[in-house]
Amino acid sequence: GIVVSTLAEARFFAAGGFDDILYAFPVPRWRLAECSELAQRLKEFQ
């Protein structure tokens, strides 16, 4: 149940075992691949 403002933060927390993360910025097209990777890897990437 954490909220991050950057994908770098999301990756950092995911590497630390966090598996329910909200990326609090509308998904930009150029970041879709990174968001997809996190969504596949984590239980809940929002």
All heavy atoms as atom14 arrays in JSON, in Angstrom:
{
  "sequence": "GIVVSTLAEARFFAAGGFDDILYAFPVPRWRLAECSELAQRLKEFQ",
  "atom14_mask": [
    [1, 1, 1, 1, 0, 0, 0, 0, 0, 0, 0, 0, 0, 0],
    [1, 1, 1, 1, 1, 1, 1, 1, 0, 0, 0, 0, 0, 0],
    [1, 1, 1, 1, 1, 1, 1, 0, 0, 0, 0, 0, 0, 0],
    [1, 1, 1, 1, 1, 1, 1, 0, 0, 0, 0, 0, 0, 0],
    [1, 1, 1, 1, 1, 1, 0, 0, 0, 0, 0, 0, 0, 0],
    [1, 1, 1, 1, 1, 1, 1, 0, 0, 0, 0, 0, 0, 0],
    [1, 1, 1, 1, 1, 1, 1, 1, 0, 0, 0, 0, 0, 0],
    [1, 1, 1, 1, 1, 0, 0, 0, 0, 0, 0, 0, 0, 0],
    [1, 1, 1, 1, 1, 1, 1, 1, 1, 0, 0, 0, 0, 0],
    [1, 1, 1, 1, 1, 0, 0, 0, 0, 0, 0, 0, 0, 0],
    [1, 1, 1, 1, 1, 1, 1, 1, 1, 1, 1, 0, 0, 0],
    [1, 1, 1, 1, 1, 1, 1, 1, 1, 1, 1, 0, 0, 0],
    [1, 1, 1, 1, 1, 1, 1, 1, 1, 1, 1, 0, 0, 0],
    [1, 1, 1, 1, 1, 0, 0, 0, 0, 0, 0, 0, 0, 0],
    [1, 1, 1, 1, 1, 0, 0, 0, 0, 0, 0, 0, 0, 0],
    [1, 1, 1, 1, 0, 0, 0, 0, 0, 0, 0, 0, 0, 0],
    [1, 1, 1, 1, 0, 0, 0, 0, 0, 0, 0, 0, 0, 0],
    [1, 1, 1, 1, 1, 1, 1, 1, 1, 1, 1, 0, 0, 0],
    [1, 1, 1, 1, 1, 1, 1, 1, 0, 0, 0, 0, 0, 0],
    [1, 1, 1, 1, 1, 1, 1, 1, 0, 0, 0, 0, 0, 0],
    [1, 1, 1, 1, 1, 1, 1, 1, 0, 0, 0, 0, 0, 0],
    [1, 1, 1, 1, 1, 1, 1, 1, 0, 0, 0, 0, 0, 0],
    [1, 1, 1, 1, 1, 1, 1, 1, 1, 1, 1, 1, 0, 0],
    [1, 1, 1, 1, 1, 0, 0, 0, 0, 0, 0, 0, 0, 0],
    [1, 1, 1, 1, 1, 1, 1, 1, 1, 1, 1, 0, 0, 0],
    [1, 1, 1, 1, 1, 1, 1, 0, 0, 0, 0, 0, 0, 0],
    [1, 1, 1, 1, 1, 1, 1, 0, 0, 0, 0, 0, 0, 0],
    [1, 1, 1, 1, 1, 1, 1, 0, 0, 0, 0, 0, 0, 0],
    [1, 1, 1, 1, 1, 1, 1, 1, 1, 1, 1, 0, 0, 0],
    [1, 1, 1, 1, 1, 1, 1, 1, 1, 1, 1, 1, 1, 1],
    [1, 1, 1, 1, 1, 1, 1, 1, 1, 1, 1, 0, 0, 0],
    [1, 1, 1, 1, 1, 1, 1, 1, 0, 0, 0, 0, 0, 0],
    [1, 1, 1, 1, 1, 0, 0, 0, 0, 0, 0, 0, 0, 0],
    [1, 1, 1, 1, 1, 1, 1, 1, 1, 0, 0, 0, 0, 0],
    [1, 1, 1, 1, 1, 1, 0, 0, 0, 0, 0, 0, 0, 0],
    [1, 1, 1, 1, 1, 1, 0, 0, 0, 0, 0, 0, 0, 0],
    [1, 1, 1, 1, 1, 1, 1, 1, 1, 0, 0, 0, 0, 0],
    [1, 1, 1, 1, 1, 1, 1, 1, 0, 0, 0, 0, 0, 0],
    [1, 1, 1, 1, 1, 0, 0, 0, 0, 0, 0, 0, 0, 0],
    [1, 1, 1, 1, 1, 1, 1, 1, 1, 0, 0, 0, 0, 0],
    [1, 1, 1, 1, 1, 1, 1, 1, 1, 1, 1, 0, 0, 0],
    [1, 1, 1, 1, 1, 1, 1, 1, 0, 0, 0, 0, 0, 0],
    [1, 1, 1, 1, 1, 1, 1, 1, 1, 0, 0, 0, 0, 0],
    [1, 1, 1, 1, 1, 1, 1, 1, 1, 0, 0, 0, 0, 0],
    [1, 1, 1, 1, 1, 1, 1, 1, 1, 1, 1, 0, 0, 0],
    [1, 1, 1, 1, 1, 1, 1, 1, 1, 0, 0, 0, 0, 0]
  ],
  "atom14_positions": [
    [[0.78, -1.22, 0.0], [0.0, 0.0, 0.0], [0.82, 1.27, 0.0], [0.45, 2.22, 0.68], [0.0, 0.0, 0.0], [0.0, 0.0, 0.0], [0.0, 0.0, 0.0], [0.0, 0.0, 0.0], [0.0, 0.0, 0.0], [0.0, 0.0, 0.0], [0.0, 0.0, 0.0], [0.0, 0.0, 0.0], [0.0, 0.0, 0.0], [0.0, 0.0, 0.0]],
    [[1.9, 1.31, -0.76], [2.68, 2.54, -0.83], [2.44, 3.26, -2.16], [2.01, 2.65, -3.14], [4.19, 2.3, -0.62], [4.79, 1.43, -1.74], [4.45, 1.66, 0.74], [6.3, 1.39, -1.73], [0.0, 0.0, 0.0], [0.0, 0.0, 0.0], [0.0, 0.0, 0.0], [0.0, 0.0, 0.0], [0.0, 0.0, 0.0], [0.0, 0.0, 0.0]],
    [[2.74, 4.54, -2.16], [2.58, 5.38, -3.34], [3.94, 5.98, -3.66], [4.63, 6.49, -2.77], [1.55, 6.51, -3.09], [1.42, 7.4, -4.31], [0.21, 5.93, -2.69], [0.0, 0.0, 0.0], [0.0, 0.0, 0.0], [0.0, 0.0, 0.0], [0.0, 0.0, 0.0], [0.0, 0.0, 0.0], [0.0, 0.0, 0.0], [0.0, 0.0, 0.0]],
    [[4.32, 5.92, -4.94], [5.59, 6.49, -5.38], [5.33, 7.47, -6.51], [4.33, 7.37, -7.22], [6.59, 5.4, -5.84], [6.93, 4.46, -4.69], [6.05, 4.62, -7.03], [0.0, 0.0, 0.0], [0.0, 0.0, 0.0], [0.0, 0.0, 0.0], [0.0, 0.0, 0.0], [0.0, 0.0, 0.0], [0.0, 0.0, 0.0], [0.0, 0.0, 0.0]],
    [[6.23, 8.42, -6.69], [6.05, 9.4, -7.76], [6.96, 9.15, -8.95], [6.81, 9.79, -9.98], [6.27, 10.82, -7.23], [7.56, 10.95, -6.7], [0.0, 0.0, 0.0], [0.0, 0.0, 0.0], [0.0, 0.0, 0.0], [0.0, 0.0, 0.0], [0.0, 0.0, 0.0], [0.0, 0.0, 0.0], [0.0, 0.0, 0.0], [0.0, 0.0, 0.0]],
    [[7.9, 8.21, -8.81], [8.78, 7.87, -9.94], [8.9, 6.36, -10.06], [8.72, 5.63, -9.08], [10.2, 8.46, -9.77], [10.86, 7.77, -8.7], [10.16, 9.96, -9.49], [0.0, 0.0, 0.0], [0.0, 0.0, 0.0], [0.0, 0.0, 0.0], [0.0, 0.0, 0.0], [0.0, 0.0, 0.0], [0.0, 0.0, 0.0], [0.0, 0.0, 0.0]],
    [[9.25, 5.92, -11.25], [9.47, 4.48, -11.45], [10.76, 4.03, -10.8], [10.88, 2.86, -10.41], [9.43, 4.14, -12.93], [8.03, 4.26, -13.54], [8.07, 4.03, -15.05], [7.05, 3.3, -12.88], [0.0, 0.0, 0.0], [0.0, 0.0, 0.0], [0.0, 0.0, 0.0], [0.0, 0.0, 0.0], [0.0, 0.0, 0.0], [0.0, 0.0, 0.0]],
    [[11.72, 4.92, -10.64], [12.94, 4.58, -9.9], [12.58, 4.21, -8.46], [13.11, 3.24, -7.91], [13.94, 5.73, -9.94], [0.0, 0.0, 0.0], [0.0, 0.0, 0.0], [0.0, 0.0, 0.0], [0.0, 0.0, 0.0], [0.0, 0.0, 0.0], [0.0, 0.0, 0.0], [0.0, 0.0, 0.0], [0.0, 0.0, 0.0], [0.0, 0.0, 0.0]],
    [[11.68, 4.97, -7.86], [11.22, 4.64, -6.51], [10.49, 3.3, -6.51], [10.69, 2.48, -5.6], [10.28, 5.72, -5.98], [10.93, 7.05, -5.7], [9.92, 8.14, -5.39], [8.85, 8.2, -6.05], [10.2, 8.92, -4.48], [0.0, 0.0, 0.0], [0.0, 0.0, 0.0], [0.0, 0.0, 0.0], [0.0, 0.0, 0.0], [0.0, 0.0, 0.0]],
    [[9.66, 3.07, -7.5], [8.92, 1.81, -7.58], [9.89, 0.63, -7.66], [9.72, -0.37, -6.96], [7.99, 1.81, -8.79], [0.0, 0.0, 0.0], [0.0, 0.0, 0.0], [0.0, 0.0, 0.0], [0.0, 0.0, 0.0], [0.0, 0.0, 0.0], [0.0, 0.0, 0.0], [0.0, 0.0, 0.0], [0.0, 0.0, 0.0], [0.0, 0.0, 0.0]],
    [[10.9, 0.75, -8.52], [11.89, -0.34, -8.64], [12.65, -0.54, -7.33], [12.91, -1.67, -6.92], [12.84, -0.06, -9.79], [12.22, -0.25, -11.17], [13.25, -0.19, -12.29], [13.95, 1.09, -12.31], [13.51, 2.18, -12.95], [12.39, 2.14, -13.63], [14.21, 3.3, -12.91], [0.0, 0.0, 0.0], [0.0, 0.0, 0.0], [0.0, 0.0, 0.0]],
    [[13.0, 0.55, -6.66], [13.71, 0.48, -5.39], [12.89, -0.29, -4.36], [13.39, -1.21, -3.7], [14.03, 1.89, -4.88], [14.62, 1.93, -3.5], [15.98, 1.72, -3.31], [13.81, 2.16, -2.39], [16.53, 1.75, -2.03], [14.35, 2.2, -1.11], [15.71, 1.99, -0.93], [0.0, 0.0, 0.0], [0.0, 0.0, 0.0], [0.0, 0.0, 0.0]],
    [[11.63, 0.1, -4.2], [10.79, -0.57, -3.21], [10.46, -2.0, -3.62], [10.39, -2.89, -2.76], [9.51, 0.24, -2.95], [9.76, 1.45, -2.09], [9.7, 2.72, -2.64], [10.07, 1.32, -0.75], [9.94, 3.85, -1.86], [10.32, 2.43, 0.05], [10.25, 3.7, -0.52], [0.0, 0.0, 0.0], [0.0, 0.0, 0.0], [0.0, 0.0, 0.0]],
    [[10.27, -2.25, -4.9], [10.03, -3.62, -5.37], [11.23, -4.51, -5.03], [11.06, -5.64, -4.58], [9.74, -3.63, -6.86], [0.0, 0.0, 0.0], [0.0, 0.0, 0.0], [0.0, 0.0, 0.0], [0.0, 0.0, 0.0], [0.0, 0.0, 0.0], [0.0, 0.0, 0.0], [0.0, 0.0, 0.0], [0.0, 0.0, 0.0], [0.0, 0.0, 0.0]],
    [[12.42, -3.98, -5.23], [13.64, -4.75, -4.9], [13.73, -5.02, -3.4], [14.35, -5.99, -2.98], [14.88, -4.01, -5.39], [0.0, 0.0, 0.0], [0.0, 0.0, 0.0], [0.0, 0.0, 0.0], [0.0, 0.0, 0.0], [0.0, 0.0, 0.0], [0.0, 0.0, 0.0], [0.0, 0.0, 0.0], [0.0, 0.0, 0.0], [0.0, 0.0, 0.0]],
    [[13.08, -4.17, -2.61], [13.08, -4.34, -1.17], [11.92, -5.17, -0.65], [11.68, -5.22, 0.55], [0.0, 0.0, 0.0], [0.0, 0.0, 0.0], [0.0, 0.0, 0.0], [0.0, 0.0, 0.0], [0.0, 0.0, 0.0], [0.0, 0.0, 0.0], [0.0, 0.0, 0.0], [0.0, 0.0, 0.0], [0.0, 0.0, 0.0], [0.0, 0.0, 0.0]],
    [[11.19, -5.8, -1.54], [10.12, -6.7, -1.13], [8.73, -6.12, -1.07], [7.79, -6.8, -0.68], [0.0, 0.0, 0.0], [0.0, 0.0, 0.0], [0.0, 0.0, 0.0], [0.0, 0.0, 0.0], [0.0, 0.0, 0.0], [0.0, 0.0, 0.0], [0.0, 0.0, 0.0], [0.0, 0.0, 0.0], [0.0, 0.0, 0.0], [0.0, 0.0, 0.0]],
    [[8.57, -4.87, -1.49], [7.23, -4.28, -1.54], [6.53, -4.78, -2.79], [7.12, -4.8, -3.87], [7.32, -2.75, -1.55], [7.72, -2.17, -0.22], [9.04, -2.22, 0.2], [6.78, -1.6, 0.61], [9.42, -1.7, 1.43], [7.14, -1.07, 1.85], [8.47, -1.13, 2.26], [0.0, 0.0, 0.0], [0.0, 0.0, 0.0], [0.0, 0.0, 0.0]],
    [[5.27, -5.24, -2.64], [4.59, -5.82, -3.8], [3.21, -5.22, -4.06], [2.4, -5.78, -4.8], [4.49, -7.34, -3.68], [3.55, -7.8, -2.58], [3.08, -6.96, -1.8], [3.29, -9.0, -2.52], [0.0, 0.0, 0.0], [0.0, 0.0, 0.0], [0.0, 0.0, 0.0], [0.0, 0.0, 0.0], [0.0, 0.0, 0.0], [0.0, 0.0, 0.0]],
    [[2.92, -4.07, -3.46], [1.66, -3.36, -3.67], [2.02, -1.88, -3.76], [2.12, -1.19, -2.74], [0.7, -3.64, -2.52], [-0.6, -2.86, -2.63], [-0.85, -2.21, -3.65], [-1.39, -2.92, -1.66], [0.0, 0.0, 0.0], [0.0, 0.0, 0.0], [0.0, 0.0, 0.0], [0.0, 0.0, 0.0], [0.0, 0.0, 0.0], [0.0, 0.0, 0.0]],
    [[2.25, -1.42, -4.99], [2.77, -0.07, -5.22], [1.88, 0.66, -6.22], [1.54, 0.11, -7.27], [4.21, -0.15, -5.77], [5.14, -0.86, -4.77], [4.73, 1.24, -6.12], [6.53, -1.16, -5.32], [0.0, 0.0, 0.0], [0.0, 0.0, 0.0], [0.0, 0.0, 0.0], [0.0, 0.0, 0.0], [0.0, 0.0, 0.0], [0.0, 0.0, 0.0]],
    [[1.56, 1.9, -5.9], [0.84, 2.77, -6.82], [1.82, 3.79, -7.38], [2.45, 4.53, -6.63], [-0.31, 3.5, -6.11], [-0.99, 4.64, -6.88], [-1.58, 4.18, -8.19], [-2.03, 5.32, -6.02], [0.0, 0.0, 0.0], [0.0, 0.0, 0.0], [0.0, 0.0, 0.0], [0.0, 0.0, 0.0], [0.0, 0.0, 0.0], [0.0, 0.0, 0.0]],
    [[1.94, 3.82, -8.7], [2.74, 4.83, -9.4], [1.82, 6.02, -9.62], [0.93, 5.97, -10.45], [3.27, 4.25, -10.72], [4.0, 5.21, -11.62], [4.89, 6.15, -11.13], [3.81, 5.15, -12.99], [5.57, 7.01, -11.98], [4.49, 6.02, -13.85], [5.36, 6.93, -13.33], [6.04, 7.79, -14.18], [0.0, 0.0, 0.0], [0.0, 0.0, 0.0]],
    [[2.06, 7.08, -8.87], [1.12, 8.2, -8.81], [1.38, 9.26, -9.87], [1.52, 10.44, -9.58], [1.14, 8.81, -7.42], [0.0, 0.0, 0.0], [0.0, 0.0, 0.0], [0.0, 0.0, 0.0], [0.0, 0.0, 0.0], [0.0, 0.0, 0.0], [0.0, 0.0, 0.0], [0.0, 0.0, 0.0], [0.0, 0.0, 0.0], [0.0, 0.0, 0.0]],
    [[1.41, 8.82, -11.1], [1.49, 9.73, -12.24], [0.87, 9.01, -13.43], [1.12, 7.82, -13.62], [2.94, 10.12, -12.54], [3.05, 11.28, -13.48], [2.87, 12.57, -13.03], [3.29, 11.08, -14.83], [2.93, 13.65, -13.89], [3.35, 12.15, -15.71], [3.18, 13.44, -15.24], [0.0, 0.0, 0.0], [0.0, 0.0, 0.0], [0.0, 0.0, 0.0]],
    [[0.04, 9.7, -14.21], [-0.58, 9.01, -15.35], [0.48, 8.37, -16.26], [1.48, 9.0, -16.58], [-1.32, 10.13, -16.08], [-1.63, 11.12, -14.99], [-0.43, 11.08, -14.08], [0.0, 0.0, 0.0], [0.0, 0.0, 0.0], [0.0, 0.0, 0.0], [0.0, 0.0, 0.0], [0.0, 0.0, 0.0], [0.0, 0.0, 0.0], [0.0, 0.0, 0.0]],
    [[0.25, 7.13, -16.62], [1.24, 6.35, -17.37], [1.58, 7.03, -18.69], [0.72, 7.15, -19.57], [0.73, 4.93, -17.67], [1.73, 4.15, -18.49], [0.42, 4.19, -16.39], [0.0, 0.0, 0.0], [0.0, 0.0, 0.0], [0.0, 0.0, 0.0], [0.0, 0.0, 0.0], [0.0, 0.0, 0.0], [0.0, 0.0, 0.0], [0.0, 0.0, 0.0]],
    [[2.83, 7.45, -18.84], [3.24, 8.0, -20.14], [3.62, 6.86, -21.09], [4.12, 5.82, -20.66], [4.46, 8.86, -19.81], [4.94, 8.39, -18.48], [3.84, 7.64, -17.81], [0.0, 0.0, 0.0], [0.0, 0.0, 0.0], [0.0, 0.0, 0.0], [0.0, 0.0, 0.0], [0.0, 0.0, 0.0], [0.0, 0.0, 0.0], [0.0, 0.0, 0.0]],
    [[3.35, 7.06, -22.36], [3.63, 6.03, -23.36], [5.08, 5.55, -23.28], [5.35, 4.36, -23.37], [3.33, 6.58, -24.76], [3.56, 5.58, -25.88], [3.14, 6.12, -27.24], [1.72, 6.38, -27.33], [0.79, 5.45, -27.54], [1.14, 4.2, -27.67], [-0.48, 5.77, -27.63], [0.0, 0.0, 0.0], [0.0, 0.0, 0.0], [0.0, 0.0, 0.0]],
    [[6.0, 6.47, -23.08], [7.42, 6.11, -23.08], [7.84, 5.34, -21.82], [8.94, 4.84, -21.75], [8.3, 7.35, -23.27], [8.14, 8.39, -22.21], [8.86, 8.49, -21.04], [7.2, 9.45, -22.18], [8.42, 9.56, -20.31], [7.4, 10.18, -20.98], [6.2, 9.89, -23.05], [6.63, 11.28, -20.64], [5.45, 11.0, -22.7], [5.67, 11.67, -21.51]],
    [[6.96, 5.23, -20.83], [7.24, 4.47, -19.61], [6.41, 3.19, -19.53], [6.46, 2.47, -18.54], [6.96, 5.32, -18.37], [7.83, 6.52, -18.24], [9.19, 6.12, -17.75], [9.93, 7.3, -17.34], [11.23, 7.34, -17.33], [11.93, 6.29, -17.68], [11.85, 8.43, -16.96], [0.0, 0.0, 0.0], [0.0, 0.0, 0.0], [0.0, 0.0, 0.0]],
    [[5.66, 2.9, -20.58], [4.76, 1.75, -20.55], [5.5, 0.44, -20.34], [5.06, -0.4, -19.56], [3.92, 1.69, -21.82], [2.87, 0.58, -21.83], [1.82, 0.83, -20.75], [2.22, 0.48, -23.18], [0.0, 0.0, 0.0], [0.0, 0.0, 0.0], [0.0, 0.0, 0.0], [0.0, 0.0, 0.0], [0.0, 0.0, 0.0], [0.0, 0.0, 0.0]],
    [[6.62, 0.24, -21.01], [7.37, -1.02, -20.86], [7.82, -1.22, -19.41], [7.73, -2.33, -18.88], [8.56, -1.04, -21.81], [0.0, 0.0, 0.0], [0.0, 0.0, 0.0], [0.0, 0.0, 0.0], [0.0, 0.0, 0.0], [0.0, 0.0, 0.0], [0.0, 0.0, 0.0], [0.0, 0.0, 0.0], [0.0, 0.0, 0.0], [0.0, 0.0, 0.0]],
    [[8.28, -0.16, -18.76], [8.71, -0.27, -17.36], [7.52, -0.57, -16.46], [7.63, -1.39, -15.54], [9.36, 1.04, -16.91], [10.68, 1.34, -17.58], [11.16, 2.73, -17.22], [11.8, 2.88, -16.16], [10.86, 3.68, -17.99], [0.0, 0.0, 0.0], [0.0, 0.0, 0.0], [0.0, 0.0, 0.0], [0.0, 0.0, 0.0], [0.0, 0.0, 0.0]],
    [[6.4, 0.08, -16.73], [5.19, -0.18, -15.94], [4.72, -1.62, -16.13], [4.32, -2.29, -15.17], [4.09, 0.8, -16.31], [4.41, 2.49, -15.78], [0.0, 0.0, 0.0], [0.0, 0.0, 0.0], [0.0, 0.0, 0.0], [0.0, 0.0, 0.0], [0.0, 0.0, 0.0], [0.0, 0.0, 0.0], [0.0, 0.0, 0.0], [0.0, 0.0, 0.0]],
    [[4.78, -2.09, -17.36], [4.38, -3.46, -17.66], [5.25, -4.46, -16.91], [4.76, -5.43, -16.33], [4.44, -3.7, -19.17], [4.11, -5.03, -19.46], [0.0, 0.0, 0.0], [0.0, 0.0, 0.0], [0.0, 0.0, 0.0], [0.0, 0.0, 0.0], [0.0, 0.0, 0.0], [0.0, 0.0, 0.0], [0.0, 0.0, 0.0], [0.0, 0.0, 0.0]],
    [[6.55, -4.21, -16.89], [7.48, -5.12, -16.2], [7.14, -5.17, -14.71], [7.09, -6.25, -14.12], [8.92, -4.65, -16.42], [9.97, -5.6, -15.87], [10.29, -5.38, -14.39], [10.32, -4.21, -13.95], [10.46, -6.38, -13.67], [0.0, 0.0, 0.0], [0.0, 0.0, 0.0], [0.0, 0.0, 0.0], [0.0, 0.0, 0.0], [0.0, 0.0, 0.0]],
    [[6.89, -4.02, -14.12], [6.55, -3.99, -12.69], [5.2, -4.64, -12.43], [5.03, -5.36, -11.45], [6.56, -2.54, -12.18], [7.95, -1.95, -11.97], [7.89, -0.43, -11.89], [8.6, -2.53, -10.72], [0.0, 0.0, 0.0], [0.0, 0.0, 0.0], [0.0, 0.0, 0.0], [0.0, 0.0, 0.0], [0.0, 0.0, 0.0], [0.0, 0.0, 0.0]],
    [[4.23, -4.41, -13.31], [2.91, -5.01, -13.15], [2.97, -6.53, -13.22], [2.23, -7.23, -12.52], [1.95, -4.45, -14.19], [0.0, 0.0, 0.0], [0.0, 0.0, 0.0], [0.0, 0.0, 0.0], [0.0, 0.0, 0.0], [0.0, 0.0, 0.0], [0.0, 0.0, 0.0], [0.0, 0.0, 0.0], [0.0, 0.0, 0.0], [0.0, 0.0, 0.0]],
    [[3.85, -7.05, -14.06], [4.0, -8.5, -14.17], [4.73, -9.09, -12.97], [4.45, -10.2, -12.55], [4.75, -8.83, -15.46], [3.95, -8.53, -16.71], [4.77, -8.71, -17.96], [5.26, -9.8, -18.21], [4.94, -7.63, -18.73], [0.0, 0.0, 0.0], [0.0, 0.0, 0.0], [0.0, 0.0, 0.0], [0.0, 0.0, 0.0], [0.0, 0.0, 0.0]],
    [[5.65, -8.32, -12.43], [6.53, -8.81, -11.36], [5.88, -8.74, -9.98], [6.1, -9.62, -9.14], [7.79, -7.96, -11.38], [8.85, -8.36, -10.43], [10.1, -7.59, -10.74], [10.64, -7.03, -9.52], [11.43, -6.0, -9.46], [11.78, -5.36, -10.55], [11.88, -5.58, -8.32], [0.0, 0.0, 0.0], [0.0, 0.0, 0.0], [0.0, 0.0, 0.0]],
    [[5.08, -7.7, -9.73], [4.52, -7.49, -8.41], [3.11, -8.05, -8.29], [2.41, -8.21, -9.29], [4.49, -5.99, -8.1], [5.83, -5.27, -8.15], [5.64, -3.79, -7.87], [6.81, -5.87, -7.17], [0.0, 0.0, 0.0], [0.0, 0.0, 0.0], [0.0, 0.0, 0.0], [0.0, 0.0, 0.0], [0.0, 0.0, 0.0], [0.0, 0.0, 0.0]],
    [[2.7, -8.3, -7.07], [1.34, -8.77, -6.85], [0.35, -7.69, -7.32], [-0.62, -7.99, -8.01], [1.12, -9.1, -5.38], [-0.25, -9.65, -5.1], [-0.39, -10.14, -3.69], [-1.78, -10.73, -3.51], [-1.99, -11.17, -2.14], [0.0, 0.0, 0.0], [0.0, 0.0, 0.0], [0.0, 0.0, 0.0], [0.0, 0.0, 0.0], [0.0, 0.0, 0.0]],
    [[0.6, -6.43, -6.92], [-0.26, -5.33, -7.33], [0.58, -4.1, -7.64], [1.08, -3.45, -6.72], [-1.28, -5.0, -6.23], [-2.3, -6.09, -6.02], [-3.4, -5.69, -5.06], [-3.59, -4.48, -4.81], [-4.07, -6.59, -4.55], [0.0, 0.0, 0.0], [0.0, 0.0, 0.0], [0.0, 0.0, 0.0], [0.0, 0.0, 0.0], [0.0, 0.0, 0.0]],
    [[0.74, -3.82, -8.92], [1.34, -2.56, -9.35], [0.23, -1.77, -9.99], [-0.36, -2.21, -10.98], [2.49, -2.8, -10.34], [3.14, -1.52, -10.79], [3.95, -0.8, -9.92], [2.9, -1.01, -12.05], [4.54, 0.39, -10.32], [3.48, 0.18, -12.46], [4.3, 0.88, -11.58], [0.0, 0.0, 0.0], [0.0, 0.0, 0.0], [0.0, 0.0, 0.0]],
    [[-0.08, -0.63, -9.4], [-1.22, 0.16, -9.83], [-0.74, 1.45, -10.48], [0.29, 1.99, -10.11], [-2.1, 0.46, -8.61], [-2.55, -0.83, -7.92], [-3.07, -0.57, -6.53], [-3.95, 0.25, -6.33], [-2.52, -1.28, -5.57], [0.0, 0.0, 0.0], [0.0, 0.0, 0.0], [0.0, 0.0, 0.0], [0.0, 0.0, 0.0], [0.0, 0.0, 0.0]]
  ]
}
